[in-house]
Amino acid sequence: MSNPIDRFLPLTESTAYILLALVEPLHGYAVMQKVAAMSDGAVTIGPGTLYTAFSTLEQAGLIAKVDEKDRRKTYVLTAKGWLVLEAHIKRAEILVRNGLAVTGAR
């Protein structure tokens, strides 16, 4: 029997960064800034992509809206979201470990 978390994996790079950003409550613009900073500018998320992701992630129960002021909605990672994020990180660690072994990169 498969783990119910597996249906969310693998995450896209953008989704993984959104979930990482939402380990603390943030509104959309703050998420876009945090993702760009965490990824050293390698990942940028536009408003359309972000708000579509928020809707999808909220419906899946991975994030929850915790506040709304002046049309500014604040979201945070749920317990289920944490489990998915942790599972994704474990998968990424395996990929990196194997990639380093194959390429000899350090």
PDB file of N, CA and C in Angstrom:
ATOM      1  N   MET A   1       0.841  -1.184   0.000  1.00  0.00           N
ATOM      2  CA  MET A   1       0.000   0.000   0.000  1.00  0.00           C
ATOM      3  C   MET A   1       0.884   1.244   0.000  1.00  0.00           C
ATOM      4  N   SER A   2       0.582   2.200  -0.859  1.00  0.00           N
ATOM      5  CA  SER A   2       1.437   3.377  -0.973  1.00  0.00           C
ATOM      6  C   SER A   2       1.084   4.424   0.082  1.00  0.00           C
ATOM      7  N   ASN A   3       2.042   5.258   0.360  1.00  0.00           N
ATOM      8  CA  ASN A   3       1.888   6.359   1.297  1.00  0.00           C
ATOM      9  C   ASN A   3       1.001   7.426   0.640  1.00  0.00           C
ATOM     10  N   PRO A   4      -0.012   7.965   1.334  1.00  0.00           N
ATOM     11  CA  PRO A   4      -0.876   8.985   0.725  1.00  0.00           C
ATOM     12  C   PRO A   4      -0.135  10.262   0.348  1.00  0.00           C
ATOM     13  N   ILE A   5       1.006  10.489   0.963  1.00  0.00           N
ATOM     14  CA  ILE A   5       1.821  11.666   0.639  1.00  0.00           C
ATOM     15  C   ILE A   5       2.437  11.526  -0.747  1.00  0.00           C
ATOM     16  N   ASP A   6       2.682  10.286  -1.171  1.00  0.00           N
ATOM     17  CA  ASP A   6       3.344  10.037  -2.458  1.00  0.00           C
ATOM     18  C   ASP A   6       2.597  10.638  -3.639  1.00  0.00           C
ATOM     19  N   ARG A   7       1.304  10.815  -3.528  1.00  0.00           N
ATOM     20  CA  ARG A   7       0.541  11.350  -4.669  1.00  0.00           C
ATOM     21  C   ARG A   7       0.917  12.799  -4.982  1.00  0.00           C
ATOM     22  N   PHE A   8       1.560  13.481  -4.034  1.00  0.00           N
ATOM     23  CA  PHE A   8       1.975  14.869  -4.244  1.00  0.00           C
ATOM     24  C   PHE A   8       3.389  14.984  -4.801  1.00  0.00           C
ATOM     25  N   LEU A   9       4.088  13.860  -4.875  1.00  0.00           N
ATOM     26  CA  LEU A   9       5.497  13.876  -5.259  1.00  0.00           C
ATOM     27  C   LEU A   9       5.711  13.389  -6.675  1.00  0.00           C
ATOM     28  N   PRO A  10       6.726  13.860  -7.339  1.00  0.00           N
ATOM     29  CA  PRO A  10       7.659  14.888  -6.909  1.00  0.00           C
ATOM     30  C   PRO A  10       7.025  16.272  -7.036  1.00  0.00           C
ATOM     31  N   LEU A  11       7.492  17.203  -6.240  1.00  0.00           N
ATOM     32  CA  LEU A  11       7.052  18.589  -6.336  1.00  0.00           C
ATOM     33  C   LEU A  11       7.827  19.276  -7.452  1.00  0.00           C
ATOM     34  N   THR A  12       7.206  20.259  -8.064  1.00  0.00           N
ATOM     35  CA  THR A  12       7.975  21.099  -8.979  1.00  0.00           C
ATOM     36  C   THR A  12       8.904  21.971  -8.134  1.00  0.00           C
ATOM     37  N   GLU A  13       9.907  22.497  -8.751  1.00  0.00           N
ATOM     38  CA  GLU A  13      10.843  23.354  -8.028  1.00  0.00           C
ATOM     39  C   GLU A  13      10.116  24.560  -7.426  1.00  0.00           C
ATOM     40  N   SER A  14       9.231  25.171  -8.208  1.00  0.00           N
ATOM     41  CA  SER A  14       8.481  26.325  -7.711  1.00  0.00           C
ATOM     42  C   SER A  14       7.621  25.964  -6.513  1.00  0.00           C
ATOM     43  N   THR A  15       6.920  24.843  -6.599  1.00  0.00           N
ATOM     44  CA  THR A  15       6.057  24.421  -5.497  1.00  0.00           C
ATOM     45  C   THR A  15       6.878  24.120  -4.250  1.00  0.00           C
ATOM     46  N   ALA A  16       8.008  23.471  -4.415  1.00  0.00           N
ATOM     47  CA  ALA A  16       8.870  23.172  -3.273  1.00  0.00           C
ATOM     48  C   ALA A  16       9.309  24.467  -2.595  1.00  0.00           C
ATOM     49  N   TYR A  17       9.683  25.468  -3.367  1.00  0.00           N
ATOM     50  CA  TYR A  17      10.105  26.736  -2.783  1.00  0.00           C
ATOM     51  C   TYR A  17       8.945  27.469  -2.118  1.00  0.00           C
ATOM     52  N   ILE A  18       7.759  27.390  -2.691  1.00  0.00           N
ATOM     53  CA  ILE A  18       6.590  28.011  -2.054  1.00  0.00           C
ATOM     54  C   ILE A  18       6.345  27.372  -0.693  1.00  0.00           C
ATOM     55  N   LEU A  19       6.386  26.041  -0.638  1.00  0.00           N
ATOM     56  CA  LEU A  19       6.187  25.358   0.636  1.00  0.00           C
ATOM     57  C   LEU A  19       7.291  25.712   1.632  1.00  0.00           C
ATOM     58  N   LEU A  20       8.525  25.771   1.162  1.00  0.00           N
ATOM     59  CA  LEU A  20       9.632  26.176   2.045  1.00  0.00           C
ATOM     60  C   LEU A  20       9.409  27.581   2.603  1.00  0.00           C
ATOM     61  N   ALA A  21       8.939  28.482   1.756  1.00  0.00           N
ATOM     62  CA  ALA A  21       8.693  29.857   2.202  1.00  0.00           C
ATOM     63  C   ALA A  21       7.598  29.910   3.257  1.00  0.00           C
ATOM     64  N   LEU A  22       6.614  29.024   3.131  1.00  0.00           N
ATOM     65  CA  LEU A  22       5.457  29.070   4.018  1.00  0.00           C
ATOM     66  C   LEU A  22       5.635  28.295   5.319  1.00  0.00           C
ATOM     67  N   VAL A  23       6.867  28.040   5.718  1.00  0.00           N
ATOM     68  CA  VAL A  23       7.088  27.483   7.059  1.00  0.00           C
ATOM     69  C   VAL A  23       6.769  28.561   8.096  1.00  0.00           C
ATOM     70  N   GLU A  24       6.639  29.793   7.640  1.00  0.00           N
ATOM     71  CA  GLU A  24       6.162  30.892   8.474  1.00  0.00           C
ATOM     72  C   GLU A  24       5.026  31.574   7.710  1.00  0.00           C
ATOM     73  N   PRO A  25       4.061  32.153   8.407  1.00  0.00           N
ATOM     74  CA  PRO A  25       2.945  32.804   7.715  1.00  0.00           C
ATOM     75  C   PRO A  25       3.424  33.972   6.855  1.00  0.00           C
ATOM     76  N   LEU A  26       3.051  33.963   5.584  1.00  0.00           N
ATOM     77  CA  LEU A  26       3.433  35.028   4.658  1.00  0.00           C
ATOM     78  C   LEU A  26       2.306  35.302   3.676  1.00  0.00           C
ATOM     79  N   HIS A  27       2.266  36.520   3.166  1.00  0.00           N
ATOM     80  CA  HIS A  27       1.350  36.862   2.081  1.00  0.00           C
ATOM     81  C   HIS A  27       2.086  36.688   0.758  1.00  0.00           C
ATOM     82  N   GLY A  28       1.351  36.766  -0.327  1.00  0.00           N
ATOM     83  CA  GLY A  28       1.892  36.450  -1.643  1.00  0.00           C
ATOM     84  C   GLY A  28       3.148  37.175  -2.036  1.00  0.00           C
ATOM     85  N   TYR A  29       3.157  38.502  -1.902  1.00  0.00           N
ATOM     86  CA  TYR A  29       4.342  39.256  -2.313  1.00  0.00           C
ATOM     87  C   TYR A  29       5.567  38.846  -1.499  1.00  0.00           C
ATOM     88  N   ALA A  30       5.368  38.616  -0.200  1.00  0.00           N
ATOM     89  CA  ALA A  30       6.480  38.177   0.648  1.00  0.00           C
ATOM     90  C   ALA A  30       6.980  36.802   0.225  1.00  0.00           C
ATOM     91  N   VAL A  31       6.077  35.925  -0.204  1.00  0.00           N
ATOM     92  CA  VAL A  31       6.477  34.595  -0.692  1.00  0.00           C
ATOM     93  C   VAL A  31       7.335  34.755  -1.947  1.00  0.00           C
ATOM     94  N   MET A  32       6.904  35.608  -2.881  1.00  0.00           N
ATOM     95  CA  MET A  32       7.684  35.821  -4.105  1.00  0.00           C
ATOM     96  C   MET A  32       9.083  36.319  -3.777  1.00  0.00           C
ATOM     97  N   GLN A  33       9.199  37.253  -2.839  1.00  0.00           N
ATOM     98  CA  GLN A  33      10.513  37.787  -2.443  1.00  0.00           C
ATOM     99  C   GLN A  33      11.361  36.712  -1.764  1.00  0.00           C
ATOM    100  N   LYS A  34      10.751  35.944  -0.878  1.00  0.00           N
ATOM    101  CA  LYS A  34      11.501  34.929  -0.131  1.00  0.00           C
ATOM    102  C   LYS A  34      11.992  33.822  -1.058  1.00  0.00           C
ATOM    103  N   VAL A  35      11.158  33.403  -2.012  1.00  0.00           N
ATOM    104  CA  VAL A  35      11.568  32.364  -2.961  1.00  0.00           C
ATOM    105  C   VAL A  35      12.760  32.846  -3.778  1.00  0.00           C
ATOM    106  N   ALA A  36      12.692  34.069  -4.271  1.00  0.00           N
ATOM    107  CA  ALA A  36      13.808  34.611  -5.056  1.00  0.00           C
ATOM    108  C   ALA A  36      15.084  34.663  -4.211  1.00  0.00           C
ATOM    109  N   ALA A  37      14.959  35.071  -2.950  1.00  0.00           N
ATOM    110  CA  ALA A  37      16.135  35.158  -2.074  1.00  0.00           C
ATOM    111  C   ALA A  37      16.687  33.773  -1.737  1.00  0.00           C
ATOM    112  N   MET A  38      15.807  32.836  -1.372  1.00  0.00           N
ATOM    113  CA  MET A  38      16.265  31.490  -1.003  1.00  0.00           C
ATOM    114  C   MET A  38      16.951  30.785  -2.155  1.00  0.00           C
ATOM    115  N   SER A  39      16.474  31.046  -3.371  1.00  0.00           N
ATOM    116  CA  SER A  39      17.010  30.342  -4.540  1.00  0.00           C
ATOM    117  C   SER A  39      18.146  31.113  -5.212  1.00  0.00           C
ATOM    118  N   ASP A  40      18.627  32.154  -4.546  1.00  0.00           N
ATOM    119  CA  ASP A  40      19.666  33.017  -5.129  1.00  0.00           C
ATOM    120  C   ASP A  40      19.252  33.534  -6.501  1.00  0.00           C
ATOM    121  N   GLY A  41      17.961  33.816  -6.652  1.00  0.00           N
ATOM    122  CA  GLY A  41      17.440  34.371  -7.891  1.00  0.00           C
ATOM    123  C   GLY A  41      17.187  33.355  -8.983  1.00  0.00           C
ATOM    124  N   ALA A  42      17.479  32.079  -8.731  1.00  0.00           N
ATOM    125  CA  ALA A  42      17.288  31.045  -9.755  1.00  0.00           C
ATOM    126  C   ALA A  42      15.812  30.757 -10.009  1.00  0.00           C
ATOM    127  N   VAL A  43      14.962  30.968  -9.005  1.00  0.00           N
ATOM    128  CA  VAL A  43      13.533  30.717  -9.145  1.00  0.00           C
ATOM    129  C   VAL A  43      12.792  32.016  -8.853  1.00  0.00           C
ATOM    130  N   THR A  44      12.039  32.466  -9.835  1.00  0.00           N
ATOM    131  CA  THR A  44      11.173  33.622  -9.645  1.00  0.00           C
ATOM    132  C   THR A  44       9.751  33.182  -9.957  1.00  0.00           C
ATOM    133  N   ILE A  45       8.838  33.637  -9.136  1.00  0.00           N
ATOM    134  CA  ILE A  45       7.443  33.234  -9.284  1.00  0.00           C
ATOM    135  C   ILE A  45       6.610  34.489  -9.481  1.00  0.00           C
ATOM    136  N   GLY A  46       5.866  34.515 -10.579  1.00  0.00           N
ATOM    137  CA  GLY A  46       4.985  35.640 -10.856  1.00  0.00           C
ATOM    138  C   GLY A  46       3.671  35.512 -10.102  1.00  0.00           C
ATOM    139  N   PRO A  47       2.933  36.609 -10.015  1.00  0.00           N
ATOM    140  CA  PRO A  47       1.680  36.604  -9.270  1.00  0.00           C
ATOM    141  C   PRO A  47       0.670  35.572  -9.775  1.00  0.00           C
ATOM    142  N   GLY A  48       0.517  35.433 -11.071  1.00  0.00           N
ATOM    143  CA  GLY A  48      -0.443  34.472 -11.615  1.00  0.00           C
ATOM    144  C   GLY A  48      -0.107  33.052 -11.221  1.00  0.00           C
ATOM    145  N   THR A  49       1.151  32.700 -11.354  1.00  0.00           N
ATOM    146  CA  THR A  49       1.607  31.362 -10.970  1.00  0.00           C
ATOM    147  C   THR A  49       1.416  31.145  -9.476  1.00  0.00           C
ATOM    148  N   LEU A  50       1.777  32.151  -8.679  1.00  0.00           N
ATOM    149  CA  LEU A  50       1.697  32.018  -7.231  1.00  0.00           C
ATOM    150  C   LEU A  50       0.255  31.827  -6.765  1.00  0.00           C
ATOM    151  N   TYR A  51      -0.659  32.638  -7.269  1.00  0.00           N
ATOM    152  CA  TYR A  51      -2.034  32.550  -6.778  1.00  0.00           C
ATOM    153  C   TYR A  51      -2.731  31.290  -7.267  1.00  0.00           C
ATOM    154  N   THR A  52      -2.343  30.796  -8.432  1.00  0.00           N
ATOM    155  CA  THR A  52      -2.848  29.493  -8.880  1.00  0.00           C
ATOM    156  C   THR A  52      -2.314  28.399  -7.956  1.00  0.00           C
ATOM    157  N   ALA A  53      -1.029  28.483  -7.608  1.00  0.00           N
ATOM    158  CA  ALA A  53      -0.426  27.503  -6.696  1.00  0.00           C
ATOM    159  C   ALA A  53      -1.080  27.573  -5.322  1.00  0.00           C
ATOM    160  N   PHE A  54      -1.312  28.784  -4.808  1.00  0.00           N
ATOM    161  CA  PHE A  54      -1.984  28.926  -3.509  1.00  0.00           C
ATOM    162  C   PHE A  54      -3.318  28.201  -3.514  1.00  0.00           C
ATOM    163  N   SER A  55      -4.096  28.403  -4.571  1.00  0.00           N
ATOM    164  CA  SER A  55      -5.414  27.767  -4.663  1.00  0.00           C
ATOM    165  C   SER A  55      -5.291  26.249  -4.667  1.00  0.00           C
ATOM    166  N   THR A  56      -4.399  25.732  -5.492  1.00  0.00           N
ATOM    167  CA  THR A  56      -4.193  24.284  -5.598  1.00  0.00           C
ATOM    168  C   THR A  56      -3.686  23.694  -4.283  1.00  0.00           C
ATOM    169  N   LEU A  57      -2.703  24.341  -3.684  1.00  0.00           N
ATOM    170  CA  LEU A  57      -2.117  23.844  -2.435  1.00  0.00           C
ATOM    171  C   LEU A  57      -3.108  23.922  -1.275  1.00  0.00           C
ATOM    172  N   GLU A  58      -3.936  24.964  -1.270  1.00  0.00           N
ATOM    173  CA  GLU A  58      -4.943  25.086  -0.215  1.00  0.00           C
ATOM    174  C   GLU A  58      -6.010  23.994  -0.366  1.00  0.00           C
ATOM    175  N   GLN A  59      -6.458  23.759  -1.593  1.00  0.00           N
ATOM    176  CA  GLN A  59      -7.452  22.701  -1.842  1.00  0.00           C
ATOM    177  C   GLN A  59      -6.913  21.330  -1.454  1.00  0.00           C
ATOM    178  N   ALA A  60      -5.613  21.117  -1.634  1.00  0.00           N
ATOM    179  CA  ALA A  60      -4.990  19.835  -1.293  1.00  0.00           C
ATOM    180  C   ALA A  60      -4.710  19.714   0.204  1.00  0.00           C
ATOM    181  N   GLY A  61      -4.884  20.801   0.938  1.00  0.00           N
ATOM    182  CA  GLY A  61      -4.648  20.766   2.377  1.00  0.00           C
ATOM    183  C   GLY A  61      -3.189  20.906   2.776  1.00  0.00           C
ATOM    184  N   LEU A  62      -2.354  21.399   1.847  1.00  0.00           N
ATOM    185  CA  LEU A  62      -0.927  21.543   2.142  1.00  0.00           C
ATOM    186  C   LEU A  62      -0.600  22.896   2.756  1.00  0.00           C
ATOM    187  N   ILE A  63      -1.434  23.894   2.477  1.00  0.00           N
ATOM    188  CA  ILE A  63      -1.304  25.213   3.096  1.00  0.00           C
ATOM    189  C   ILE A  63      -2.681  25.639   3.570  1.00  0.00           C
ATOM    190  N   ALA A  64      -2.709  26.605   4.475  1.00  0.00           N
ATOM    191  CA  ALA A  64      -3.979  27.133   4.973  1.00  0.00           C
ATOM    192  C   ALA A  64      -3.892  28.649   5.071  1.00  0.00           C
ATOM    193  N   LYS A  65      -5.004  29.303   4.749  1.00  0.00           N
ATOM    194  CA  LYS A  65      -5.076  30.751   4.912  1.00  0.00           C
ATOM    195  C   LYS A  65      -5.250  31.033   6.394  1.00  0.00           C
ATOM    196  N   VAL A  66      -4.409  31.901   6.943  1.00  0.00           N
ATOM    197  CA  VAL A  66      -4.473  32.203   8.374  1.00  0.00           C
ATOM    198  C   VAL A  66      -4.910  33.640   8.651  1.00  0.00           C
ATOM    199  N   ASP A  67      -4.928  34.473   7.603  1.00  0.00           N
ATOM    200  CA  ASP A  67      -5.322  35.860   7.801  1.00  0.00           C
ATOM    201  C   ASP A  67      -5.659  36.489   6.452  1.00  0.00           C
ATOM    202  N   GLU A  68      -6.490  37.527   6.502  1.00  0.00           N
ATOM    203  CA  GLU A  68      -6.774  38.297   5.297  1.00  0.00           C
ATOM    204  C   GLU A  68      -7.079  39.724   5.715  1.00  0.00           C
ATOM    205  N   LYS A  69      -6.242  40.643   5.262  1.00  0.00           N
ATOM    206  CA  LYS A  69      -6.424  42.063   5.554  1.00  0.00           C
ATOM    207  C   LYS A  69      -6.219  42.842   4.271  1.00  0.00           C
ATOM    208  N   ASP A  70      -7.169  43.698   3.955  1.00  0.00           N
ATOM    209  CA  ASP A  70      -7.068  44.542   2.760  1.00  0.00           C
ATOM    210  C   ASP A  70      -6.689  43.741   1.516  1.00  0.00           C
ATOM    211  N   ARG A  71      -7.393  42.645   1.283  1.00  0.00           N
ATOM    212  CA  ARG A  71      -7.177  41.753   0.130  1.00  0.00           C
ATOM    213  C   ARG A  71      -5.826  41.041   0.182  1.00  0.00           C
ATOM    214  N   ARG A  72      -5.070  41.191   1.241  1.00  0.00           N
ATOM    215  CA  ARG A  72      -3.774  40.527   1.380  1.00  0.00           C
ATOM    216  C   ARG A  72      -3.982  39.270   2.218  1.00  0.00           C
ATOM    217  N   LYS A  73      -3.885  38.114   1.547  1.00  0.00           N
ATOM    218  CA  LYS A  73      -4.101  36.834   2.220  1.00  0.00           C
ATOM    219  C   LYS A  73      -2.776  36.261   2.689  1.00  0.00           C
ATOM    220  N   THR A  74      -2.768  35.782   3.924  1.00  0.00           N
ATOM    221  CA  THR A  74      -1.572  35.183   4.508  1.00  0.00           C
ATOM    222  C   THR A  74      -1.794  33.685   4.651  1.00  0.00           C
ATOM    223  N   TYR A  75      -0.801  32.922   4.211  1.00  0.00           N
ATOM    224  CA  TYR A  75      -0.878  31.460   4.234  1.00  0.00           C
ATOM    225  C   TYR A  75       0.267  30.893   5.062  1.00  0.00           C
ATOM    226  N   VAL A  76       0.082  29.645   5.501  1.00  0.00           N
ATOM    227  CA  VAL A  76       1.132  28.930   6.228  1.00  0.00           C
ATOM    228  C   VAL A  76       1.028  27.444   5.890  1.00  0.00           C
ATOM    229  N   LEU A  77       2.128  26.750   6.018  1.00  0.00           N
ATOM    230  CA  LEU A  77       2.191  25.308   5.778  1.00  0.00           C
ATOM    231  C   LEU A  77       1.366  24.561   6.829  1.00  0.00           C
ATOM    232  N   THR A  78       0.617  23.558   6.409  1.00  0.00           N
ATOM    233  CA  THR A  78      -0.136  22.709   7.340  1.00  0.00           C
ATOM    234  C   THR A  78       0.741  21.517   7.751  1.00  0.00           C
ATOM    235  N   ALA A  79       0.235  20.718   8.677  1.00  0.00           N
ATOM    236  CA  ALA A  79       0.960  19.503   9.078  1.00  0.00           C
ATOM    237  C   ALA A  79       1.146  18.578   7.879  1.00  0.00           C
ATOM    238  N   LYS A  80       0.119  18.459   7.061  1.00  0.00           N
ATOM    239  CA  LYS A  80       0.211  17.637   5.849  1.00  0.00           C
ATOM    240  C   LYS A  80       1.247  18.230   4.885  1.00  0.00           C
ATOM    241  N   GLY A  81       1.266  19.549   4.778  1.00  0.00           N
ATOM    242  CA  GLY A  81       2.258  20.219   3.936  1.00  0.00           C
ATOM    243  C   GLY A  81       3.673  19.945   4.396  1.00  0.00           C
ATOM    244  N   TRP A  82       3.878  19.940   5.712  1.00  0.00           N
ATOM    245  CA  TRP A  82       5.198  19.605   6.271  1.00  0.00           C
ATOM    246  C   TRP A  82       5.626  18.204   5.852  1.00  0.00           C
ATOM    247  N   LEU A  83       4.691  17.250   5.947  1.00  0.00           N
ATOM    248  CA  LEU A  83       5.018  15.867   5.572  1.00  0.00           C
ATOM    249  C   LEU A  83       5.424  15.770   4.106  1.00  0.00           C
ATOM    250  N   VAL A  84       4.685  16.465   3.248  1.00  0.00           N
ATOM    251  CA  VAL A  84       5.007  16.454   1.816  1.00  0.00           C
ATOM    252  C   VAL A  84       6.360  17.110   1.579  1.00  0.00           C
ATOM    253  N   LEU A  85       6.599  18.244   2.216  1.00  0.00           N
ATOM    254  CA  LEU A  85       7.875  18.940   2.046  1.00  0.00           C
ATOM    255  C   LEU A  85       9.042  18.076   2.521  1.00  0.00           C
ATOM    256  N   GLU A  86       8.897  17.443   3.669  1.00  0.00           N
ATOM    257  CA  GLU A  86       9.955  16.566   4.182  1.00  0.00           C
ATOM    258  C   GLU A  86      10.218  15.394   3.239  1.00  0.00           C
ATOM    259  N   ALA A  87       9.156  14.793   2.702  1.00  0.00           N
ATOM    260  CA  ALA A  87       9.320  13.676   1.763  1.00  0.00           C
ATOM    261  C   ALA A  87      10.035  14.146   0.492  1.00  0.00           C
ATOM    262  N   HIS A  88       9.686  15.336   0.020  1.00  0.00           N
ATOM    263  CA  HIS A  88      10.337  15.881  -1.175  1.00  0.00           C
ATOM    264  C   HIS A  88      11.825  16.127  -0.915  1.00  0.00           C
ATOM    265  N   ILE A  89      12.150  16.652   0.251  1.00  0.00           N
ATOM    266  CA  ILE A  89      13.551  16.924   0.590  1.00  0.00           C
ATOM    267  C   ILE A  89      14.343  15.630   0.659  1.00  0.00           C
ATOM    268  N   LYS A  90      13.753  14.589   1.225  1.00  0.00           N
ATOM    269  CA  LYS A  90      14.442  13.287   1.267  1.00  0.00           C
ATOM    270  C   LYS A  90      14.735  12.793  -0.148  1.00  0.00           C
ATOM    271  N   ARG A  91      13.759  12.933  -1.048  1.00  0.00           N
ATOM    272  CA  ARG A  91      13.966  12.529  -2.451  1.00  0.00           C
ATOM    273  C   ARG A  91      15.096  13.346  -3.075  1.00  0.00           C
ATOM    274  N   ALA A  92      15.102  14.648  -2.803  1.00  0.00           N
ATOM    275  CA  ALA A  92      16.126  15.525  -3.372  1.00  0.00           C
ATOM    276  C   ALA A  92      17.512  15.187  -2.819  1.00  0.00           C
ATOM    277  N   GLU A  93      17.574  14.835  -1.539  1.00  0.00           N
ATOM    278  CA  GLU A  93      18.861  14.437  -0.944  1.00  0.00           C
ATOM    279  C   GLU A  93      19.424  13.200  -1.628  1.00  0.00           C
ATOM    280  N   ILE A  94      18.563  12.243  -1.930  1.00  0.00           N
ATOM    281  CA  ILE A  94      19.000  11.030  -2.627  1.00  0.00           C
ATOM    282  C   ILE A  94      19.524  11.385  -4.018  1.00  0.00           C
ATOM    283  N   LEU A  95      18.809  12.251  -4.717  1.00  0.00           N
ATOM    284  CA  LEU A  95      19.240  12.688  -6.046  1.00  0.00           C
ATOM    285  C   LEU A  95      20.597  13.376  -5.980  1.00  0.00           C
ATOM    286  N   VAL A  96      20.758  14.289  -5.036  1.00  0.00           N
ATOM    287  CA  VAL A  96      22.035  15.002  -4.907  1.00  0.00           C
ATOM    288  C   VAL A  96      23.160  14.034  -4.568  1.00  0.00           C
ATOM    289  N   ARG A  97      22.931  13.135  -3.620  1.00  0.00           N
ATOM    290  CA  ARG A  97      23.943  12.162  -3.237  1.00  0.00           C
ATOM    291  C   ARG A  97      24.382  11.329  -4.445  1.00  0.00           C
ATOM    292  N   ASN A  98      23.428  10.841  -5.222  1.00  0.00           N
ATOM    293  CA  ASN A  98      23.762  10.045  -6.394  1.00  0.00           C
ATOM    294  C   ASN A  98      24.414  10.884  -7.487  1.00  0.00           C
ATOM    295  N   GLY A  99      23.945  12.112  -7.639  1.00  0.00           N
ATOM    296  CA  GLY A  99      24.540  12.991  -8.633  1.00  0.00           C
ATOM    297  C   GLY A  99      26.001  13.290  -8.318  1.00  0.00           C
ATOM    298  N   LEU A 100      26.271  13.538  -7.052  1.00  0.00           N
ATOM    299  CA  LEU A 100      27.657  13.799  -6.652  1.00  0.00           C
ATOM    300  C   LEU A 100      28.527  12.567  -6.844  1.00  0.00           C
ATOM    301  N   ALA A 101      27.983  11.393  -6.557  1.00  0.00           N
ATOM    302  CA  ALA A 101      28.743  10.162  -6.733  1.00  0.00           C
ATOM    303  C   ALA A 101      29.065   9.904  -8.206  1.00  0.00           C
ATOM    304  N   VAL A 102      28.115  10.187  -9.063  1.00  0.00           N
ATOM    305  CA  VAL A 102      28.306   9.931 -10.497  1.00  0.00           C
ATOM    306  C   VAL A 102      29.232  10.961 -11.127  1.00  0.00           C
ATOM    307  N   THR A 103      29.063  12.216 -10.766  1.00  0.00           N
ATOM    308  CA  THR A 103      29.846  13.272 -11.423  1.00  0.00           C
ATOM    309  C   THR A 103      31.152  13.557 -10.727  1.00  0.00           C
ATOM    310  N   GLY A 104      31.279  13.125  -9.486  1.00  0.00           N
ATOM    311  CA  GLY A 104      32.486  13.439  -8.738  1.00  0.00           C
ATOM    312  C   GLY A 104      32.537  14.883  -8.297  1.00  0.00           C
ATOM    313  N   ALA A 105      31.444  15.606  -8.493  1.00  0.00           N
ATOM    314  CA  ALA A 105      31.383  17.017  -8.105  1.00  0.00           C
ATOM    315  C   ALA A 105      31.396  17.148  -6.589  1.00  0.00           C
ATOM    316  N   ARG A 106      31.898  18.239  -6.144  1.00  0.00           N
ATOM    317  CA  ARG A 106      31.946  18.493  -4.689  1.00  0.00           C
ATOM    318  C   ARG A 106      31.261  19.789  -4.366  1.00  0.00           C
TER     319      ARG A 106
END
